[in-house]
Amino acid sequence: MKKILTFFAAAAMLTAAATAQVSADVAEKCYKILEAADELSPKKGDYSFTQTEIIEKPGKPKENVQYKVFGRVVKGKASMGTAVQIFPEADKGHGLLLVDDHVWEYDSVSRKFTHKTLKEKIGNSNTSIGDMLEDDDKWRVNYDVDAYEDGMLGKIPVDIITLKAKTSEPEFSKERYYIRKDIPLCLKKEGLTSSGRLMQTILLPKYTKVPNGYLAVQGLYRDELNKGEQTQVVVSDLTFDTIPDKVFTKAYLEGLN
């Protein structure tokens, strides 16, 4: 009987450890750090930029893909967005359209739209549709804070925040963020399974200061399951000019060809 009781006591302790969360104060601190990082994003109101992707896969030649991206953020959330492929020439006119959480991919050859999810990858790259979006409410709605620690990323002091998904919206069961302490900019993000297996690493080594905040102008997206697969992203030509409503329609993409 004593052995049985000991077994159940140990099992109860393991269950408690598995479900334990950080304290409410620590969780609130982490949410505020992440929200402060969002506040520094220059993507407010209407904006546009050019996104160049260099896609590398073992045994295959590098791919160079370029998009013109138009976005509109309303009350901290990306409510509309259009991405038009402008290179290579053979795929020119392919596009993505976001309207109120609904995403369609447009094939300029078949002239057909296909409904997509935010988790799906863009073309052959390692970037997902959701990586291009803004949503200030996502942290508290979609995640619980799983762990927090002080750390260093190279020579830079960072807050290391591990989040656990509590809805189906996040791409990964767990995500870990490395946020600069002096300026709350995300320098690194890891996507993990619920057991902690590393699936993806995103490095954001270079930001530029613009009137509305800081823009990550270089990113490296690594597939940790398929070694050697990665996508380098370079952002340029950021503007904040007002964008006509028609740009955020299916008719706009159809009219480009």
C-alpha atoms as a PDB file:
ATOM      1  CA  MET A   1       0.000   0.000   0.000  1.00  0.00           C
ATOM      2  CA  LYS A   2       2.862   2.375   0.868  1.00  0.00           C
ATOM      3  CA  LYS A   3       4.408   1.842  -2.577  1.00  0.00           C
ATOM      4  CA  ILE A   4       1.056   2.549  -4.251  1.00  0.00           C
ATOM      5  CA  LEU A   5       0.619   5.785  -2.274  1.00  0.00           C
ATOM      6  CA  THR A   6       4.175   6.813  -3.102  1.00  0.00           C
ATOM      7  CA  PHE A   7       3.508   6.193  -6.797  1.00  0.00           C
ATOM      8  CA  PHE A   8       0.363   8.323  -6.799  1.00  0.00           C
ATOM      9  CA  ALA A   9       2.104  11.090  -4.848  1.00  0.00           C
ATOM     10  CA  ALA A  10       4.931  11.153  -7.405  1.00  0.00           C
ATOM     11  CA  ALA A  11       2.458  11.170 -10.269  1.00  0.00           C
ATOM     12  CA  ALA A  12       0.604  14.071  -8.707  1.00  0.00           C
ATOM     13  CA  MET A  13       3.846  16.027  -8.337  1.00  0.00           C
ATOM     14  CA  LEU A  14       4.750  15.403 -11.980  1.00  0.00           C
ATOM     15  CA  THR A  15       1.291  16.514 -13.107  1.00  0.00           C
ATOM     16  CA  ALA A  16       1.538  19.684 -11.041  1.00  0.00           C
ATOM     17  CA  ALA A  17       4.970  20.450 -12.481  1.00  0.00           C
ATOM     18  CA  ALA A  18       3.752  19.857 -16.033  1.00  0.00           C
ATOM     19  CA  THR A  19       0.819  22.249 -15.637  1.00  0.00           C
ATOM     20  CA  ALA A  20       2.577  24.896 -13.543  1.00  0.00           C
ATOM     21  CA  GLN A  21       2.654  28.405 -14.972  1.00  0.00           C
ATOM     22  CA  VAL A  22       4.854  31.354 -14.098  1.00  0.00           C
ATOM     23  CA  SER A  23       3.459  33.760 -11.512  1.00  0.00           C
ATOM     24  CA  ALA A  24       0.857  36.315 -12.540  1.00  0.00           C
ATOM     25  CA  ASP A  25       3.374  39.132 -12.040  1.00  0.00           C
ATOM     26  CA  VAL A  26       5.952  37.489 -14.298  1.00  0.00           C
ATOM     27  CA  ALA A  27       3.308  36.710 -16.938  1.00  0.00           C
ATOM     28  CA  GLU A  28       2.150  40.337 -16.919  1.00  0.00           C
ATOM     29  CA  LYS A  29       5.757  41.518 -17.246  1.00  0.00           C
ATOM     30  CA  CYS A  30       6.223  39.252 -20.291  1.00  0.00           C
ATOM     31  CA  TYR A  31       3.020  40.398 -21.989  1.00  0.00           C
ATOM     32  CA  LYS A  32       4.050  44.031 -21.503  1.00  0.00           C
ATOM     33  CA  ILE A  33       7.494  43.375 -23.015  1.00  0.00           C
ATOM     34  CA  LEU A  34       5.936  41.740 -26.076  1.00  0.00           C
ATOM     35  CA  GLU A  35       3.353  44.508 -26.417  1.00  0.00           C
ATOM     36  CA  ALA A  36       6.107  47.133 -26.145  1.00  0.00           C
ATOM     37  CA  ALA A  37       7.892  45.388 -29.032  1.00  0.00           C
ATOM     38  CA  ASP A  38       4.672  45.594 -31.066  1.00  0.00           C
ATOM     39  CA  GLU A  39       4.409  49.305 -30.303  1.00  0.00           C
ATOM     40  CA  LEU A  40       7.741  49.858 -32.052  1.00  0.00           C
ATOM     41  CA  SER A  41       6.471  48.328 -35.286  1.00  0.00           C
ATOM     42  CA  PRO A  42       6.129  51.068 -37.923  1.00  0.00           C
ATOM     43  CA  LYS A  43       3.239  49.232 -39.573  1.00  0.00           C
ATOM     44  CA  LYS A  44       0.434  51.558 -38.557  1.00  0.00           C
ATOM     45  CA  GLY A  45      -2.339  52.768 -40.838  1.00  0.00           C
ATOM     46  CA  ASP A  46      -1.445  52.278 -44.520  1.00  0.00           C
ATOM     47  CA  TYR A  47       2.036  51.143 -45.527  1.00  0.00           C
ATOM     48  CA  SER A  48       3.851  49.387 -48.362  1.00  0.00           C
ATOM     49  CA  PHE A  49       7.259  47.824 -48.881  1.00  0.00           C
ATOM     50  CA  THR A  50       9.235  45.508 -51.156  1.00  0.00           C
ATOM     51  CA  GLN A  51      10.118  42.083 -49.784  1.00  0.00           C
ATOM     52  CA  THR A  52      12.909  40.057 -51.366  1.00  0.00           C
ATOM     53  CA  GLU A  53      13.289  36.378 -50.456  1.00  0.00           C
ATOM     54  CA  ILE A  54      16.369  34.241 -51.168  1.00  0.00           C
ATOM     55  CA  ILE A  55      15.331  30.607 -50.770  1.00  0.00           C
ATOM     56  CA  GLU A  56      17.949  27.906 -50.192  1.00  0.00           C
ATOM     57  CA  LYS A  57      17.360  24.143 -50.230  1.00  0.00           C
ATOM     58  CA  PRO A  58      20.072  21.437 -50.320  1.00  0.00           C
ATOM     59  CA  GLY A  59      20.800  20.163 -53.835  1.00  0.00           C
ATOM     60  CA  LYS A  60      18.781  22.926 -55.514  1.00  0.00           C
ATOM     61  CA  PRO A  61      19.791  26.293 -56.982  1.00  0.00           C
ATOM     62  CA  LYS A  62      18.921  29.381 -54.949  1.00  0.00           C
ATOM     63  CA  GLU A  63      15.576  30.993 -55.706  1.00  0.00           C
ATOM     64  CA  ASN A  64      15.150  34.750 -55.717  1.00  0.00           C
ATOM     65  CA  VAL A  65      11.542  35.894 -55.240  1.00  0.00           C
ATOM     66  CA  GLN A  66      10.267  39.431 -54.788  1.00  0.00           C
ATOM     67  CA  TYR A  67       6.921  40.815 -53.626  1.00  0.00           C
ATOM     68  CA  LYS A  68       5.349  44.240 -53.371  1.00  0.00           C
ATOM     69  CA  VAL A  69       3.402  44.286 -50.119  1.00  0.00           C
ATOM     70  CA  PHE A  70       0.534  46.657 -49.253  1.00  0.00           C
ATOM     71  CA  GLY A  71      -0.952  46.669 -45.757  1.00  0.00           C
ATOM     72  CA  ARG A  72      -3.506  48.435 -43.612  1.00  0.00           C
ATOM     73  CA  VAL A  73      -3.484  48.213 -39.810  1.00  0.00           C
ATOM     74  CA  VAL A  74      -6.624  49.330 -37.958  1.00  0.00           C
ATOM     75  CA  LYS A  75      -6.526  49.517 -34.135  1.00  0.00           C
ATOM     76  CA  GLY A  76      -3.365  47.428 -33.930  1.00  0.00           C
ATOM     77  CA  LYS A  77      -4.575  44.636 -36.205  1.00  0.00           C
ATOM     78  CA  ALA A  78      -3.824  43.949 -39.864  1.00  0.00           C
ATOM     79  CA  SER A  79      -7.301  44.148 -41.357  1.00  0.00           C
ATOM     80  CA  MET A  80      -6.268  44.225 -45.020  1.00  0.00           C
ATOM     81  CA  GLY A  81      -3.199  43.203 -46.963  1.00  0.00           C
ATOM     82  CA  THR A  82      -2.099  42.472 -50.527  1.00  0.00           C
ATOM     83  CA  ALA A  83       1.177  40.926 -51.677  1.00  0.00           C
ATOM     84  CA  VAL A  84       1.943  40.874 -55.397  1.00  0.00           C
ATOM     85  CA  GLN A  85       4.828  38.830 -56.803  1.00  0.00           C
ATOM     86  CA  ILE A  86       7.002  41.003 -59.060  1.00  0.00           C
ATOM     87  CA  PHE A  87       9.915  38.599 -59.665  1.00  0.00           C
ATOM     88  CA  PRO A  88      10.703  36.211 -61.317  1.00  0.00           C
ATOM     89  CA  GLU A  89       8.976  37.191 -64.531  1.00  0.00           C
ATOM     90  CA  ALA A  90       7.373  33.743 -64.988  1.00  0.00           C
ATOM     91  CA  ASP A  91       5.410  34.123 -61.741  1.00  0.00           C
ATOM     92  CA  LYS A  92       4.739  37.828 -61.989  1.00  0.00           C
ATOM     93  CA  GLY A  93       1.228  38.713 -60.851  1.00  0.00           C
ATOM     94  CA  HIS A  94       0.791  35.839 -58.380  1.00  0.00           C
ATOM     95  CA  GLY A  95      -0.589  37.276 -55.174  1.00  0.00           C
ATOM     96  CA  LEU A  96      -1.980  36.972 -51.673  1.00  0.00           C
ATOM     97  CA  LEU A  97      -4.996  38.855 -50.361  1.00  0.00           C
ATOM     98  CA  LEU A  98      -5.956  39.292 -46.695  1.00  0.00           C
ATOM     99  CA  VAL A  99      -9.337  40.682 -45.691  1.00  0.00           C
ATOM    100  CA  ASP A 100     -10.459  40.356 -42.043  1.00  0.00           C
ATOM    101  CA  ASP A 101      -8.527  37.141 -41.250  1.00  0.00           C
ATOM    102  CA  HIS A 102      -9.452  35.512 -44.563  1.00  0.00           C
ATOM    103  CA  VAL A 103      -6.530  34.834 -46.923  1.00  0.00           C
ATOM    104  CA  TRP A 104      -6.674  33.964 -50.611  1.00  0.00           C
ATOM    105  CA  GLU A 105      -3.815  33.024 -52.906  1.00  0.00           C
ATOM    106  CA  TYR A 106      -4.176  34.161 -56.514  1.00  0.00           C
ATOM    107  CA  ASP A 107      -2.661  32.175 -59.397  1.00  0.00           C
ATOM    108  CA  SER A 108      -2.113  34.562 -62.292  1.00  0.00           C
ATOM    109  CA  VAL A 109      -1.932  31.665 -64.793  1.00  0.00           C
ATOM    110  CA  SER A 110      -5.186  29.891 -63.931  1.00  0.00           C
ATOM    111  CA  ARG A 111      -6.694  33.195 -62.698  1.00  0.00           C
ATOM    112  CA  LYS A 112      -8.149  31.334 -59.723  1.00  0.00           C
ATOM    113  CA  PHE A 113      -8.190  32.069 -55.982  1.00  0.00           C
ATOM    114  CA  THR A 114      -7.484  29.441 -53.308  1.00  0.00           C
ATOM    115  CA  HIS A 115      -8.383  29.964 -49.650  1.00  0.00           C
ATOM    116  CA  LYS A 116      -5.352  29.708 -47.326  1.00  0.00           C
ATOM    117  CA  THR A 117      -4.587  29.737 -43.596  1.00  0.00           C
ATOM    118  CA  LEU A 118      -2.157  32.057 -41.836  1.00  0.00           C
ATOM    119  CA  LYS A 119       0.083  29.082 -40.975  1.00  0.00           C
ATOM    120  CA  GLU A 120       0.743  28.113 -44.602  1.00  0.00           C
ATOM    121  CA  LYS A 121       4.102  28.867 -46.195  1.00  0.00           C
ATOM    122  CA  ILE A 122       4.532  31.473 -48.920  1.00  0.00           C
ATOM    123  CA  GLY A 123       5.521  29.667 -52.110  1.00  0.00           C
ATOM    124  CA  ASN A 124       8.637  27.525 -51.598  1.00  0.00           C
ATOM    125  CA  SER A 125       9.966  29.708 -48.782  1.00  0.00           C
ATOM    126  CA  ASN A 126      10.232  29.091 -45.040  1.00  0.00           C
ATOM    127  CA  THR A 127       8.151  32.183 -44.232  1.00  0.00           C
ATOM    128  CA  SER A 128       4.454  31.866 -43.435  1.00  0.00           C
ATOM    129  CA  ILE A 129       1.590  34.190 -44.290  1.00  0.00           C
ATOM    130  CA  GLY A 130       1.197  35.025 -40.610  1.00  0.00           C
ATOM    131  CA  ASP A 131       4.778  36.325 -40.447  1.00  0.00           C
ATOM    132  CA  MET A 132       3.722  39.323 -42.541  1.00  0.00           C
ATOM    133  CA  LEU A 133       0.838  40.372 -40.275  1.00  0.00           C
ATOM    134  CA  GLU A 134       0.360  42.680 -37.294  1.00  0.00           C
ATOM    135  CA  ASP A 135      -1.967  41.962 -34.360  1.00  0.00           C
ATOM    136  CA  ASP A 136      -1.431  43.694 -31.016  1.00  0.00           C
ATOM    137  CA  ASP A 137      -4.001  41.488 -29.233  1.00  0.00           C
ATOM    138  CA  LYS A 138      -2.426  38.149 -30.164  1.00  0.00           C
ATOM    139  CA  TRP A 139      -0.298  37.669 -27.047  1.00  0.00           C
ATOM    140  CA  ARG A 140      -2.973  37.614 -24.351  1.00  0.00           C
ATOM    141  CA  VAL A 141      -5.580  35.954 -26.562  1.00  0.00           C
ATOM    142  CA  ASN A 142      -3.497  33.154 -28.053  1.00  0.00           C
ATOM    143  CA  TYR A 143      -0.761  32.416 -25.502  1.00  0.00           C
ATOM    144  CA  ASP A 144       0.023  31.601 -21.883  1.00  0.00           C
ATOM    145  CA  VAL A 145       3.458  32.551 -20.583  1.00  0.00           C
ATOM    146  CA  ASP A 146       5.328  29.286 -19.996  1.00  0.00           C
ATOM    147  CA  ALA A 147       8.743  30.541 -18.837  1.00  0.00           C
ATOM    148  CA  TYR A 148      10.867  33.660 -18.450  1.00  0.00           C
ATOM    149  CA  GLU A 149      14.586  34.257 -17.947  1.00  0.00           C
ATOM    150  CA  ASP A 150      17.265  36.899 -18.371  1.00  0.00           C
ATOM    151  CA  GLY A 151      19.882  36.023 -20.955  1.00  0.00           C
ATOM    152  CA  MET A 152      22.388  37.116 -23.564  1.00  0.00           C
ATOM    153  CA  LEU A 153      22.198  36.848 -27.325  1.00  0.00           C
ATOM    154  CA  GLY A 154      25.806  37.259 -28.303  1.00  0.00           C
ATOM    155  CA  LYS A 155      26.793  40.414 -26.401  1.00  0.00           C
ATOM    156  CA  ILE A 156      23.255  41.804 -26.184  1.00  0.00           C
ATOM    157  CA  PRO A 157      21.204  41.440 -22.945  1.00  0.00           C
ATOM    158  CA  VAL A 158      17.753  40.010 -23.716  1.00  0.00           C
ATOM    159  CA  ASP A 159      14.506  38.931 -22.085  1.00  0.00           C
ATOM    160  CA  ILE A 160      13.830  35.303 -23.050  1.00  0.00           C
ATOM    161  CA  ILE A 161      10.100  34.569 -23.055  1.00  0.00           C
ATOM    162  CA  THR A 162       8.614  31.148 -23.791  1.00  0.00           C
ATOM    163  CA  LEU A 163       4.929  31.073 -24.702  1.00  0.00           C
ATOM    164  CA  LYS A 164       2.518  28.150 -24.863  1.00  0.00           C
ATOM    165  CA  ALA A 165      -0.320  28.290 -27.391  1.00  0.00           C
ATOM    166  CA  LYS A 166      -3.831  28.190 -25.910  1.00  0.00           C
ATOM    167  CA  THR A 167      -5.716  28.536 -29.208  1.00  0.00           C
ATOM    168  CA  SER A 168      -5.277  27.004 -32.656  1.00  0.00           C
ATOM    169  CA  GLU A 169      -4.051  30.292 -34.166  1.00  0.00           C
ATOM    170  CA  PRO A 170      -0.285  30.053 -33.424  1.00  0.00           C
ATOM    171  CA  GLU A 171       1.860  28.136 -35.885  1.00  0.00           C
ATOM    172  CA  PHE A 172       3.684  26.232 -33.121  1.00  0.00           C
ATOM    173  CA  SER A 173       2.661  24.707 -29.773  1.00  0.00           C
ATOM    174  CA  LYS A 174       5.409  26.726 -28.097  1.00  0.00           C
ATOM    175  CA  GLU A 175       7.310  29.830 -29.174  1.00  0.00           C
ATOM    176  CA  ARG A 176      10.365  31.423 -27.610  1.00  0.00           C
ATOM    177  CA  TYR A 177      11.226  35.101 -28.083  1.00  0.00           C
ATOM    178  CA  TYR A 178      14.521  36.887 -27.430  1.00  0.00           C
ATOM    179  CA  ILE A 179      13.761  40.596 -26.869  1.00  0.00           C
ATOM    180  CA  ARG A 180      16.431  43.289 -26.444  1.00  0.00           C
ATOM    181  CA  LYS A 181      16.354  44.896 -23.008  1.00  0.00           C
ATOM    182  CA  ASP A 182      17.440  48.416 -23.998  1.00  0.00           C
ATOM    183  CA  ILE A 183      15.047  48.702 -26.954  1.00  0.00           C
ATOM    184  CA  PRO A 184      12.277  46.055 -27.051  1.00  0.00           C
ATOM    185  CA  LEU A 185      13.082  44.593 -30.460  1.00  0.00           C
ATOM    186  CA  CYS A 186      12.737  40.877 -31.205  1.00  0.00           C
ATOM    187  CA  LEU A 187      16.130  39.544 -32.291  1.00  0.00           C
ATOM    188  CA  LYS A 188      15.306  35.851 -32.387  1.00  0.00           C
ATOM    189  CA  LYS A 189      12.233  33.628 -32.383  1.00  0.00           C
ATOM    190  CA  GLU A 190      12.018  29.857 -32.042  1.00  0.00           C
ATOM    191  CA  GLY A 191       9.099  27.599 -32.907  1.00  0.00           C
ATOM    192  CA  LEU A 192       8.885  24.415 -30.839  1.00  0.00           C
ATOM    193  CA  THR A 193       6.692  21.379 -30.322  1.00  0.00           C
ATOM    194  CA  SER A 194       4.848  20.901 -27.018  1.00  0.00           C
ATOM    195  CA  SER A 195       7.725  18.660 -25.878  1.00  0.00           C
ATOM    196  CA  GLY A 196      10.286  21.368 -26.665  1.00  0.00           C
ATOM    197  CA  ARG A 197      11.683  20.087 -29.969  1.00  0.00           C
ATOM    198  CA  LEU A 198      13.029  22.945 -32.078  1.00  0.00           C
ATOM    199  CA  MET A 199      11.182  23.244 -35.404  1.00  0.00           C
ATOM    200  CA  GLN A 200      12.075  26.695 -36.728  1.00  0.00           C
ATOM    201  CA  THR A 201      14.477  29.522 -35.936  1.00  0.00           C
ATOM    202  CA  ILE A 202      13.966  33.109 -37.077  1.00  0.00           C
ATOM    203  CA  LEU A 203      16.840  35.570 -36.724  1.00  0.00           C
ATOM    204  CA  LEU A 204      16.216  39.312 -37.064  1.00  0.00           C
ATOM    205  CA  PRO A 205      19.718  40.814 -36.889  1.00  0.00           C
ATOM    206  CA  LYS A 206      19.110  44.175 -38.543  1.00  0.00           C
ATOM    207  CA  TYR A 207      16.580  46.933 -37.865  1.00  0.00           C
ATOM    208  CA  THR A 208      16.353  50.461 -39.220  1.00  0.00           C
ATOM    209  CA  LYS A 209      14.800  53.491 -37.491  1.00  0.00           C
ATOM    210  CA  VAL A 210      11.915  55.056 -39.384  1.00  0.00           C
ATOM    211  CA  PRO A 211       9.546  57.886 -38.311  1.00  0.00           C
ATOM    212  CA  ASN A 212       6.921  55.490 -36.897  1.00  0.00           C
ATOM    213  CA  GLY A 213       9.245  53.032 -35.137  1.00  0.00           C
ATOM    214  CA  TYR A 214      11.752  50.333 -36.043  1.00  0.00           C
ATOM    215  CA  LEU A 215      11.565  48.060 -39.082  1.00  0.00           C
ATOM    216  CA  ALA A 216      13.287  44.670 -39.312  1.00  0.00           C
ATOM    217  CA  VAL A 217      14.995  44.942 -42.703  1.00  0.00           C
ATOM    218  CA  GLN A 218      16.731  41.566 -42.644  1.00  0.00           C
ATOM    219  CA  GLY A 219      15.549  38.165 -41.449  1.00  0.00           C
ATOM    220  CA  LEU A 220      16.693  34.565 -41.682  1.00  0.00           C
ATOM    221  CA  TYR A 221      14.090  31.795 -41.435  1.00  0.00           C
ATOM    222  CA  ARG A 222      15.629  28.352 -40.791  1.00  0.00           C
ATOM    223  CA  ASP A 223      13.821  25.025 -41.028  1.00  0.00           C
ATOM    224  CA  GLU A 224      15.361  23.040 -38.157  1.00  0.00           C
ATOM    225  CA  LEU A 225      13.867  19.708 -39.306  1.00  0.00           C
ATOM    226  CA  ASN A 226      15.270  19.920 -42.823  1.00  0.00           C
ATOM    227  CA  LYS A 227      18.822  21.083 -42.277  1.00  0.00           C
ATOM    228  CA  GLY A 228      20.099  23.487 -44.889  1.00  0.00           C
ATOM    229  CA  GLU A 229      16.629  24.818 -45.776  1.00  0.00           C
ATOM    230  CA  GLN A 230      16.380  28.508 -45.087  1.00  0.00           C
ATOM    231  CA  THR A 231      14.949  31.733 -46.458  1.00  0.00           C
ATOM    232  CA  GLN A 232      16.662  35.095 -46.178  1.00  0.00           C
ATOM    233  CA  VAL A 233      14.258  38.039 -46.230  1.00  0.00           C
ATOM    234  CA  VAL A 234      15.230  41.627 -47.052  1.00  0.00           C
ATOM    235  CA  VAL A 235      12.739  44.486 -46.722  1.00  0.00           C
ATOM    236  CA  SER A 236      13.152  47.816 -48.538  1.00  0.00           C
ATOM    237  CA  ASP A 237      11.244  50.835 -49.895  1.00  0.00           C
ATOM    238  CA  LEU A 238       8.945  51.291 -46.879  1.00  0.00           C
ATOM    239  CA  THR A 239       6.381  54.055 -47.415  1.00  0.00           C
ATOM    240  CA  PHE A 240       3.306  55.263 -45.522  1.00  0.00           C
ATOM    241  CA  ASP A 241       1.301  56.726 -48.383  1.00  0.00           C
ATOM    242  CA  THR A 242      -2.464  56.266 -48.372  1.00  0.00           C
ATOM    243  CA  ILE A 243      -3.439  53.169 -50.358  1.00  0.00           C
ATOM    244  CA  PRO A 244      -6.651  53.116 -52.449  1.00  0.00           C
ATOM    245  CA  ASP A 245      -9.268  50.652 -51.146  1.00  0.00           C
ATOM    246  CA  LYS A 246      -9.310  48.864 -54.510  1.00  0.00           C
ATOM    247  CA  VAL A 247      -5.787  47.500 -53.853  1.00  0.00           C
ATOM    248  CA  PHE A 248      -7.299  45.246 -51.169  1.00  0.00           C
ATOM    249  CA  THR A 249      -9.690  43.427 -53.518  1.00  0.00           C
ATOM    250  CA  LYS A 250      -9.691  40.333 -55.711  1.00  0.00           C
ATOM    251  CA  ALA A 251     -10.465  42.563 -58.680  1.00  0.00           C
ATOM    252  CA  TYR A 252      -7.166  44.398 -58.173  1.00  0.00           C
ATOM    253  CA  LEU A 253      -5.112  41.181 -58.449  1.00  0.00           C
ATOM    254  CA  GLU A 254      -7.158  40.011 -61.434  1.00  0.00           C
ATOM    255  CA  GLY A 255      -6.600  43.337 -63.176  1.00  0.00           C
ATOM    256  CA  LEU A 256      -2.796  43.210 -62.960  1.00  0.00           C
ATOM    257  CA  ASN A 257      -2.507  40.698 -65.811  1.00  0.00           C
END
